[in-house]
Amino acid sequence: MGHHVTILRSRGGAPLPIDADEVERAAVALPGWRYDRATGILTSQRAEDRALQAWLAEGALWVRNPGPAALARLITLAGALGARVRGADGATYRTPYETYRHPDDAAVPAGGTVPLPAPPRAGKSAPAIPYRMIFWVSLATAAALQVLRPFR
C-alpha cells in the first residue's frame, strides 16, 4: 500500500487516546499478538505476518505499509480497542478493500491529507547527538591540537 495507517479513537471530533494498558489487554485477548511495554511495539506472532508491527505513540497505534491481510488483522484489533483504522489519506477502513469518510474526519477535505504528525520511526531511535555536531566538534578538536602542537 505504500503508506501508513493509524488505529485511533475519537468522539465528536475529539481524540480519545489509546493507552498502553488497553493495548496490552487487547494483545492478551486476541490470539497472535504480543505487546512490549518497554518499546511500545505491538508485534504479530503469526508466522504469515510476523513482520507486522504497530507502534504506540501520541495515543494511537501506527503501522507502516500494511497489506490487505495485515489490514484485516488491524481492523479486528481496532474493534477490540473500540477504535478504527484510518489511512494517511483520511479514509477509514471498513474492510481491507472498502473505506468510508468517518464523521470525525469531516473537516479534512476528500483526497486531502489528515493533519497528523509523522509516524514514529521504526527500529532504532535517533542518536542522542546529531552527526553534524560530532563532525564539527571533531574538526574543532583536531584544529586546536594542531595549533597547540608547537607549544608542547
N, C-alpha and C. Protein backbone atom coordinates (compact mmCIF):
# COMPACT_ATOMS: atom_id res chain seq x y z
N MET A 1 0.81 -1.18 0.00
CA MET A 1 0.00 0.00 0.00
C MET A 1 0.86 1.26 0.00
N GLY A 2 2.07 1.21 0.53
CA GLY A 2 2.98 2.33 0.44
C GLY A 2 2.65 3.52 1.32
N HIS A 3 1.94 3.33 2.40
CA HIS A 3 1.62 4.43 3.30
C HIS A 3 1.46 3.90 4.72
N HIS A 4 1.14 4.79 5.63
CA HIS A 4 0.92 4.35 7.00
C HIS A 4 -0.57 4.42 7.32
N VAL A 5 -0.97 3.64 8.29
CA VAL A 5 -2.32 3.72 8.82
C VAL A 5 -2.21 3.89 10.33
N THR A 6 -3.26 4.44 10.92
CA THR A 6 -3.29 4.60 12.36
C THR A 6 -4.54 3.93 12.90
N ILE A 7 -4.42 3.37 14.08
CA ILE A 7 -5.57 2.88 14.82
C ILE A 7 -5.81 3.94 15.88
N LEU A 8 -6.96 4.61 15.78
CA LEU A 8 -7.23 5.72 16.66
C LEU A 8 -8.69 5.71 17.10
N ARG A 9 -8.95 6.47 18.14
CA ARG A 9 -10.32 6.64 18.63
C ARG A 9 -10.63 8.13 18.67
N SER A 10 -11.89 8.44 18.42
CA SER A 10 -12.34 9.82 18.56
C SER A 10 -13.85 9.81 18.78
N ARG A 11 -14.32 10.88 19.36
CA ARG A 11 -15.77 11.03 19.56
C ARG A 11 -16.09 12.51 19.38
N GLY A 12 -16.99 12.80 18.47
CA GLY A 12 -17.37 14.18 18.23
C GLY A 12 -16.21 15.04 17.76
N GLY A 13 -15.27 14.46 17.07
CA GLY A 13 -14.12 15.19 16.57
C GLY A 13 -12.98 15.30 17.57
N ALA A 14 -13.21 14.91 18.82
CA ALA A 14 -12.16 14.99 19.83
C ALA A 14 -11.45 13.63 19.94
N PRO A 15 -10.12 13.63 19.96
CA PRO A 15 -9.40 12.36 20.07
C PRO A 15 -9.58 11.74 21.46
N LEU A 16 -9.67 10.42 21.50
CA LEU A 16 -9.70 9.65 22.74
C LEU A 16 -8.47 8.76 22.72
N PRO A 17 -7.40 9.17 23.37
CA PRO A 17 -6.13 8.43 23.28
C PRO A 17 -6.24 6.98 23.73
N ILE A 18 -5.48 6.14 23.06
CA ILE A 18 -5.33 4.73 23.42
C ILE A 18 -4.09 4.64 24.29
N ASP A 19 -4.19 3.96 25.43
CA ASP A 19 -3.01 3.86 26.30
C ASP A 19 -2.43 2.45 26.29
N ALA A 20 -1.26 2.32 26.90
CA ALA A 20 -0.52 1.06 26.89
C ALA A 20 -1.29 -0.07 27.58
N ASP A 21 -2.04 0.24 28.64
CA ASP A 21 -2.81 -0.79 29.32
C ASP A 21 -3.86 -1.41 28.40
N GLU A 22 -4.52 -0.56 27.62
CA GLU A 22 -5.54 -1.06 26.69
C GLU A 22 -4.91 -1.93 25.60
N VAL A 23 -3.77 -1.51 25.09
CA VAL A 23 -3.08 -2.29 24.05
C VAL A 23 -2.65 -3.64 24.62
N GLU A 24 -2.14 -3.63 25.84
CA GLU A 24 -1.71 -4.87 26.48
C GLU A 24 -2.90 -5.83 26.67
N ARG A 25 -4.04 -5.30 27.12
CA ARG A 25 -5.23 -6.15 27.29
C ARG A 25 -5.71 -6.71 25.96
N ALA A 26 -5.67 -5.89 24.90
CA ALA A 26 -6.09 -6.36 23.58
C ALA A 26 -5.14 -7.44 23.06
N ALA A 27 -3.84 -7.28 23.31
CA ALA A 27 -2.85 -8.27 22.87
C ALA A 27 -3.09 -9.61 23.54
N VAL A 28 -3.48 -9.58 24.81
CA VAL A 28 -3.76 -10.81 25.54
C VAL A 28 -5.07 -11.44 25.06
N ALA A 29 -6.07 -10.59 24.80
CA ALA A 29 -7.39 -11.09 24.41
C ALA A 29 -7.43 -11.64 22.99
N LEU A 30 -6.65 -11.07 22.10
CA LEU A 30 -6.66 -11.51 20.70
C LEU A 30 -5.50 -12.47 20.46
N PRO A 31 -5.74 -13.58 19.77
CA PRO A 31 -4.66 -14.53 19.51
C PRO A 31 -3.64 -13.97 18.52
N GLY A 32 -2.38 -14.26 18.79
CA GLY A 32 -1.32 -13.93 17.84
C GLY A 32 -0.71 -12.55 17.97
N TRP A 33 -0.89 -11.87 19.10
CA TRP A 33 -0.29 -10.56 19.31
C TRP A 33 0.57 -10.58 20.57
N ARG A 34 1.63 -9.79 20.56
CA ARG A 34 2.47 -9.62 21.75
C ARG A 34 2.82 -8.15 21.86
N TYR A 35 2.62 -7.58 23.03
CA TYR A 35 2.91 -6.16 23.27
C TYR A 35 4.12 -6.02 24.17
N ASP A 36 5.09 -5.25 23.74
CA ASP A 36 6.28 -4.96 24.53
C ASP A 36 6.13 -3.55 25.10
N ARG A 37 5.82 -3.46 26.37
CA ARG A 37 5.55 -2.18 27.01
C ARG A 37 6.77 -1.27 27.00
N ALA A 38 7.96 -1.83 27.10
CA ALA A 38 9.19 -1.02 27.14
C ALA A 38 9.40 -0.23 25.85
N THR A 39 9.11 -0.85 24.72
CA THR A 39 9.31 -0.18 23.43
C THR A 39 8.03 0.42 22.87
N GLY A 40 6.87 -0.02 23.39
CA GLY A 40 5.59 0.46 22.87
C GLY A 40 5.24 -0.17 21.53
N ILE A 41 5.80 -1.36 21.26
CA ILE A 41 5.58 -2.02 19.97
C ILE A 41 4.71 -3.25 20.15
N LEU A 42 3.67 -3.32 19.36
CA LEU A 42 2.77 -4.48 19.30
C LEU A 42 3.16 -5.28 18.07
N THR A 43 3.49 -6.56 18.26
CA THR A 43 4.00 -7.39 17.17
C THR A 43 3.11 -8.59 16.95
N SER A 44 2.87 -8.91 15.69
CA SER A 44 2.13 -10.12 15.35
C SER A 44 3.04 -11.33 15.57
N GLN A 45 2.50 -12.37 16.17
CA GLN A 45 3.26 -13.58 16.42
C GLN A 45 2.92 -14.68 15.43
N ARG A 46 2.03 -14.41 14.49
CA ARG A 46 1.67 -15.42 13.49
C ARG A 46 2.77 -15.51 12.44
N ALA A 47 3.04 -16.73 12.00
CA ALA A 47 4.13 -16.96 11.05
C ALA A 47 3.91 -16.21 9.74
N GLU A 48 2.67 -16.12 9.27
CA GLU A 48 2.42 -15.50 7.97
C GLU A 48 2.58 -13.98 7.96
N ASP A 49 2.52 -13.35 9.10
CA ASP A 49 2.73 -11.90 9.11
C ASP A 49 3.52 -11.45 10.33
N ARG A 50 4.62 -12.12 10.58
CA ARG A 50 5.47 -11.82 11.73
C ARG A 50 6.09 -10.42 11.63
N ALA A 51 6.18 -9.86 10.44
CA ALA A 51 6.77 -8.53 10.27
C ALA A 51 5.78 -7.42 10.61
N LEU A 52 4.52 -7.76 10.88
CA LEU A 52 3.50 -6.76 11.20
C LEU A 52 3.75 -6.21 12.60
N GLN A 53 4.01 -4.90 12.67
CA GLN A 53 4.24 -4.23 13.95
C GLN A 53 3.45 -2.94 13.99
N ALA A 54 3.00 -2.59 15.18
CA ALA A 54 2.31 -1.32 15.40
C ALA A 54 3.00 -0.61 16.55
N TRP A 55 3.26 0.68 16.40
CA TRP A 55 3.93 1.47 17.42
C TRP A 55 2.91 2.35 18.12
N LEU A 56 2.90 2.32 19.43
CA LEU A 56 2.01 3.18 20.20
C LEU A 56 2.70 4.52 20.41
N ALA A 57 2.11 5.57 19.87
CA ALA A 57 2.66 6.92 20.02
C ALA A 57 1.52 7.91 19.90
N GLU A 58 1.54 8.92 20.75
CA GLU A 58 0.57 10.01 20.70
C GLU A 58 -0.87 9.52 20.78
N GLY A 59 -1.11 8.46 21.55
CA GLY A 59 -2.46 7.97 21.77
C GLY A 59 -3.04 7.17 20.63
N ALA A 60 -2.20 6.73 19.69
CA ALA A 60 -2.67 5.94 18.55
C ALA A 60 -1.62 4.88 18.23
N LEU A 61 -2.05 3.83 17.54
CA LEU A 61 -1.13 2.81 17.04
C LEU A 61 -0.84 3.12 15.58
N TRP A 62 0.42 3.10 15.20
CA TRP A 62 0.86 3.43 13.85
C TRP A 62 1.42 2.17 13.19
N VAL A 63 1.08 1.95 11.92
CA VAL A 63 1.56 0.80 11.17
C VAL A 63 2.01 1.28 9.79
N ARG A 64 3.16 0.80 9.36
CA ARG A 64 3.69 1.17 8.04
C ARG A 64 3.39 0.10 7.01
N ASN A 65 2.93 0.54 5.86
CA ASN A 65 2.76 -0.27 4.66
C ASN A 65 2.02 -1.60 4.88
N PRO A 66 0.84 -1.57 5.49
CA PRO A 66 0.13 -2.83 5.68
C PRO A 66 -0.50 -3.32 4.38
N GLY A 67 -0.42 -4.61 4.15
CA GLY A 67 -1.10 -5.22 3.01
C GLY A 67 -2.54 -5.56 3.40
N PRO A 68 -3.31 -6.13 2.49
CA PRO A 68 -4.70 -6.46 2.78
C PRO A 68 -4.88 -7.42 3.96
N ALA A 69 -4.04 -8.44 4.06
CA ALA A 69 -4.16 -9.38 5.19
C ALA A 69 -3.85 -8.68 6.51
N ALA A 70 -2.84 -7.82 6.51
CA ALA A 70 -2.49 -7.07 7.71
C ALA A 70 -3.61 -6.10 8.07
N LEU A 71 -4.21 -5.46 7.08
CA LEU A 71 -5.33 -4.55 7.35
C LEU A 71 -6.49 -5.29 8.01
N ALA A 72 -6.77 -6.50 7.56
CA ALA A 72 -7.85 -7.28 8.16
C ALA A 72 -7.57 -7.53 9.64
N ARG A 73 -6.33 -7.87 9.97
CA ARG A 73 -5.98 -8.09 11.38
C ARG A 73 -6.05 -6.79 12.17
N LEU A 74 -5.64 -5.69 11.55
CA LEU A 74 -5.68 -4.40 12.23
C LEU A 74 -7.10 -3.93 12.48
N ILE A 75 -8.00 -4.22 11.57
CA ILE A 75 -9.41 -3.86 11.76
C ILE A 75 -9.99 -4.63 12.94
N THR A 76 -9.62 -5.91 13.07
CA THR A 76 -10.06 -6.71 14.22
C THR A 76 -9.48 -6.14 15.51
N LEU A 77 -8.20 -5.79 15.49
CA LEU A 77 -7.54 -5.20 16.66
C LEU A 77 -8.22 -3.88 17.03
N ALA A 78 -8.50 -3.05 16.04
CA ALA A 78 -9.16 -1.78 16.30
C ALA A 78 -10.53 -2.00 16.95
N GLY A 79 -11.25 -3.00 16.49
CA GLY A 79 -12.55 -3.31 17.09
C GLY A 79 -12.42 -3.66 18.56
N ALA A 80 -11.37 -4.40 18.91
CA ALA A 80 -11.15 -4.77 20.32
C ALA A 80 -10.80 -3.54 21.17
N LEU A 81 -10.26 -2.52 20.55
CA LEU A 81 -9.89 -1.30 21.26
C LEU A 81 -11.00 -0.24 21.21
N GLY A 82 -12.10 -0.54 20.52
CA GLY A 82 -13.15 0.46 20.35
C GLY A 82 -12.67 1.60 19.48
N ALA A 83 -11.82 1.28 18.51
CA ALA A 83 -11.19 2.28 17.67
C ALA A 83 -11.48 1.97 16.20
N ARG A 84 -10.77 2.66 15.33
CA ARG A 84 -10.90 2.44 13.88
C ARG A 84 -9.55 2.56 13.22
N VAL A 85 -9.45 2.05 12.00
CA VAL A 85 -8.21 2.11 11.23
C VAL A 85 -8.38 3.19 10.17
N ARG A 86 -7.49 4.19 10.20
CA ARG A 86 -7.57 5.29 9.24
C ARG A 86 -6.28 5.37 8.45
N GLY A 87 -6.41 5.51 7.15
CA GLY A 87 -5.25 5.65 6.27
C GLY A 87 -4.73 7.07 6.27
N ALA A 88 -3.56 7.26 5.68
CA ALA A 88 -2.94 8.58 5.61
C ALA A 88 -3.77 9.56 4.80
N ASP A 89 -4.62 9.05 3.92
CA ASP A 89 -5.47 9.92 3.11
C ASP A 89 -6.75 10.33 3.82
N GLY A 90 -6.95 9.87 5.05
CA GLY A 90 -8.13 10.25 5.83
C GLY A 90 -9.29 9.29 5.71
N ALA A 91 -9.16 8.25 4.89
CA ALA A 91 -10.24 7.27 4.73
C ALA A 91 -10.16 6.24 5.85
N THR A 92 -11.31 5.88 6.40
CA THR A 92 -11.38 4.87 7.44
C THR A 92 -11.74 3.54 6.79
N TYR A 93 -11.04 2.49 7.20
CA TYR A 93 -11.23 1.16 6.60
C TYR A 93 -12.38 0.42 7.28
N ARG A 94 -13.34 0.00 6.47
CA ARG A 94 -14.41 -0.89 6.93
C ARG A 94 -13.94 -2.33 6.73
N THR A 95 -13.31 -2.59 5.59
CA THR A 95 -12.66 -3.85 5.25
C THR A 95 -11.33 -3.47 4.57
N PRO A 96 -10.46 -4.44 4.27
CA PRO A 96 -9.22 -4.07 3.59
C PRO A 96 -9.44 -3.41 2.22
N TYR A 97 -10.63 -3.59 1.65
CA TYR A 97 -10.89 -3.06 0.31
C TYR A 97 -11.99 -2.01 0.28
N GLU A 98 -12.60 -1.71 1.41
CA GLU A 98 -13.70 -0.75 1.45
C GLU A 98 -13.41 0.31 2.51
N THR A 99 -13.49 1.58 2.09
CA THR A 99 -13.26 2.68 3.02
C THR A 99 -14.46 3.62 3.02
N TYR A 100 -14.51 4.46 4.02
CA TYR A 100 -15.56 5.47 4.11
C TYR A 100 -14.99 6.69 4.82
N ARG A 101 -15.74 7.76 4.79
CA ARG A 101 -15.34 9.00 5.45
C ARG A 101 -15.99 9.04 6.83
N HIS A 102 -15.20 8.93 7.89
CA HIS A 102 -15.73 8.96 9.25
C HIS A 102 -16.19 10.38 9.57
N PRO A 103 -17.32 10.52 10.28
CA PRO A 103 -17.82 11.87 10.61
C PRO A 103 -16.81 12.73 11.36
N ASP A 104 -15.96 12.13 12.18
CA ASP A 104 -14.97 12.92 12.92
C ASP A 104 -13.88 13.47 12.01
N ASP A 105 -13.78 12.94 10.80
CA ASP A 105 -12.78 13.42 9.85
C ASP A 105 -13.39 14.33 8.80
N ALA A 106 -14.60 14.80 9.02
CA ALA A 106 -15.32 15.61 8.03
C ALA A 106 -14.60 16.92 7.73
N ALA A 107 -13.83 17.42 8.67
CA ALA A 107 -13.13 18.68 8.45
C ALA A 107 -12.00 18.55 7.44
N VAL A 108 -11.56 17.33 7.18
CA VAL A 108 -10.48 17.10 6.22
C VAL A 108 -11.10 16.95 4.84
N PRO A 109 -10.69 17.75 3.85
CA PRO A 109 -11.28 17.62 2.52
C PRO A 109 -10.99 16.26 1.90
N ALA A 110 -11.93 15.73 1.12
CA ALA A 110 -11.74 14.43 0.46
C ALA A 110 -10.49 14.49 -0.40
N GLY A 111 -9.66 13.48 -0.27
CA GLY A 111 -8.40 13.43 -1.01
C GLY A 111 -7.30 14.24 -0.36
N GLY A 112 -7.64 15.01 0.68
CA GLY A 112 -6.65 15.81 1.38
C GLY A 112 -5.91 14.97 2.40
N THR A 113 -4.92 15.57 2.97
CA THR A 113 -4.16 14.83 3.97
C THR A 113 -4.71 15.13 5.35
N VAL A 114 -4.57 14.17 6.22
CA VAL A 114 -5.03 14.30 7.59
C VAL A 114 -3.94 15.01 8.38
N PRO A 115 -4.29 16.03 9.17
CA PRO A 115 -3.26 16.75 9.92
C PRO A 115 -2.75 15.95 11.11
N LEU A 116 -1.93 14.95 10.83
CA LEU A 116 -1.33 14.13 11.87
C LEU A 116 0.17 14.31 11.84
N PRO A 117 0.83 14.15 12.98
CA PRO A 117 2.29 14.18 12.95
C PRO A 117 2.84 12.98 12.20
N ALA A 118 4.08 13.06 11.82
CA ALA A 118 4.71 11.94 11.11
C ALA A 118 4.70 10.70 12.01
N PRO A 119 4.57 9.52 11.41
CA PRO A 119 4.58 8.31 12.23
C PRO A 119 5.92 8.12 12.91
N PRO A 120 5.92 7.49 14.07
CA PRO A 120 7.19 7.27 14.77
C PRO A 120 8.11 6.37 13.96
N ARG A 121 9.40 6.55 14.16
CA ARG A 121 10.39 5.75 13.43
C ARG A 121 10.42 4.34 13.98
N ALA A 122 10.55 3.41 13.08
CA ALA A 122 10.68 2.00 13.49
C ALA A 122 12.12 1.71 13.86
N GLY A 123 12.31 0.71 14.67
CA GLY A 123 13.65 0.26 15.00
C GLY A 123 14.38 1.20 15.92
N LYS A 124 15.62 1.54 15.56
CA LYS A 124 16.46 2.35 16.42
C LYS A 124 15.96 3.78 16.50
N SER A 125 16.13 4.39 17.65
CA SER A 125 15.75 5.78 17.81
C SER A 125 16.88 6.66 17.28
N ALA A 126 16.59 7.93 17.15
CA ALA A 126 17.58 8.87 16.64
C ALA A 126 18.74 8.98 17.62
N PRO A 127 19.95 9.20 17.11
CA PRO A 127 21.09 9.33 18.02
C PRO A 127 20.91 10.53 18.94
N ALA A 128 21.45 10.42 20.14
CA ALA A 128 21.31 11.49 21.12
C ALA A 128 22.04 12.75 20.66
N ILE A 129 23.19 12.60 19.99
CA ILE A 129 23.95 13.74 19.48
C ILE A 129 23.92 13.65 17.95
N PRO A 130 23.45 14.70 17.28
CA PRO A 130 23.41 14.66 15.82
C PRO A 130 24.80 14.49 15.22
N TYR A 131 24.86 13.79 14.11
CA TYR A 131 26.13 13.50 13.45
C TYR A 131 26.87 14.77 13.06
N ARG A 132 26.14 15.80 12.66
CA ARG A 132 26.78 17.06 12.27
C ARG A 132 27.56 17.65 13.45
N MET A 133 26.95 17.57 14.62
CA MET A 133 27.62 18.11 15.81
C MET A 133 28.91 17.34 16.10
N ILE A 134 28.87 16.03 15.97
CA ILE A 134 30.06 15.21 16.19
C ILE A 134 31.15 15.60 15.20
N PHE A 135 30.77 15.83 13.94
CA PHE A 135 31.74 16.22 12.92
C PHE A 135 32.41 17.54 13.28
N TRP A 136 31.62 18.57 13.63
CA TRP A 136 32.19 19.88 13.91
C TRP A 136 33.02 19.89 15.18
N VAL A 137 32.62 19.16 16.19
CA VAL A 137 33.41 19.08 17.42
C VAL A 137 34.75 18.38 17.13
N SER A 138 34.70 17.31 16.34
CA SER A 138 35.93 16.60 15.97
C SER A 138 36.86 17.50 15.17
N LEU A 139 36.30 18.25 14.24
CA LEU A 139 37.10 19.16 13.42
C LEU A 139 37.73 20.25 14.28
N ALA A 140 36.96 20.82 15.20
CA ALA A 140 37.49 21.86 16.08
C ALA A 140 38.58 21.31 16.98
N THR A 141 38.40 20.08 17.47
CA THR A 141 39.41 19.45 18.33
C THR A 141 40.70 19.23 17.55
N ALA A 142 40.60 18.73 16.33
CA ALA A 142 41.79 18.49 15.51
C ALA A 142 42.51 19.80 15.21
N ALA A 143 41.75 20.86 14.92
CA ALA A 143 42.38 22.16 14.65
C ALA A 143 43.07 22.69 15.89
N ALA A 144 42.42 22.57 17.05
CA ALA A 144 43.01 23.05 18.30
C ALA A 144 44.30 22.29 18.61
N LEU A 145 44.32 20.99 18.37
CA LEU A 145 45.52 20.20 18.61
C LEU A 145 46.66 20.62 17.69
N GLN A 146 46.36 20.97 16.45
CA GLN A 146 47.38 21.44 15.51
C GLN A 146 47.96 22.77 15.96
N VAL A 147 47.10 23.65 16.49
CA VAL A 147 47.57 24.95 16.95
C VAL A 147 48.43 24.80 18.20
N LEU A 148 48.06 23.90 19.10
CA LEU A 148 48.78 23.72 20.36
C LEU A 148 50.03 22.86 20.24
N ARG A 149 50.23 22.16 19.13
CA ARG A 149 51.37 21.25 18.96
C ARG A 149 52.73 21.97 19.17
N PRO A 150 52.97 23.14 18.61
CA PRO A 150 54.30 23.78 18.80
C PRO A 150 54.59 24.16 20.26
N PHE A 151 53.59 24.27 21.10
CA PHE A 151 53.79 24.70 22.48
C PHE A 151 54.07 23.54 23.44
N ARG A 152 54.16 22.32 22.95
CA ARG A 152 54.43 21.18 23.81
C ARG A 152 55.84 21.08 24.20
